[in-house]
């Protein structure tokens, strides 16, 4: 069977099922496992999102959707050459991957009509159902059940770990920074598994734009910043772009951000959303484990999943610098230390002498 994946999460599932040799085409976003980046790229993003701010991305996406334009470009010639027997795609989010009409249009250009498997989960259970559907379509049911059994065991361990933590703290998962979106789909479930509650999120529903008045009224005790499609370094950079004291793109709501209880208490965290929250695959269970350590650090003797999240240094974000710890002055010039750059959380590509990245 020759398989083309229009979804990073589907690509991850194929590799987990041991079907990588049958995978003949992927999207430009399929980067896990790393071997997936060696496959022919059939789908690319139309927008140059790497050079755009979150506000610019939001406006451009809204404009293209309003005009009925696609956000993705499908290489139809390559797709015909690959001649897939099965295409994996979704009809959940027009921003996440080619969907509905786009797929129907491209099918009309193919001489051999492939089967289409639609993967459109909204909950953790439906993610597992999608894995079963993929396994059934490819004859790998036993491998899928092993993965699901492992995920359920980890879920049971998390529930046991957080069972006696008392009242769940109020968590706000910020899925976009400018404008601000609350989380949706499976993410509120992950928060519950981790021993918290996100009442601004919509369990099983779409992520939605919310106002700063709603955020202020909610009085979150923990804030988790997880912009869709961003890894940890990219997320930390967006935090500084939106709320950093000297940022030229600083949000007009930055003062409201710093007045939130979670921010005042230093309980703000950035996560690798791209790997553990935005993609509906088995790794979302690791996302729940990351959230548990963020929400209930007292339950963990040592930090796990350390590369998956980072606390936001609020004082640093506000421009408070400690001489020697954060910088030294040499010949009248300020030189940032590795400690400062690590706590800032991203590489600025300026060639800093002490860059840890």
Foldseek 3Di string as FASTA:
>chain_A
DAEEEQALQVQQLCVLLVNVVNYAEYACLNPPPVVVNVHHHFKYFPDPVVPDALQVVVVVVVVCVVVVHARMDGNLVVCQVSVGQEYEEEAADSVRGDDDPVVVVSQVVHPDRHHYDYQHAQALVSLLVSSCVVCVVVVRNVSSVVLVVVLVVLLVVLCVLQVPVPQAFEEFEFQGVVQTKTAGRHVQVLLVSLRHGHPRYYYSDHIGGDDLVVVQVSLGQAYEYAHAPAAQQRRLVSCLCAQAQPHPNHPPCNVSVCPRNNNVVQRYKYFGCHQAPNRSHSNVSVVSVQSNCSRCVVSDPDDDPVRTMAGAPSCVSHPDDDPPQAWDADPNDTAGACNNQVNSRHDPPPPRVHDPD
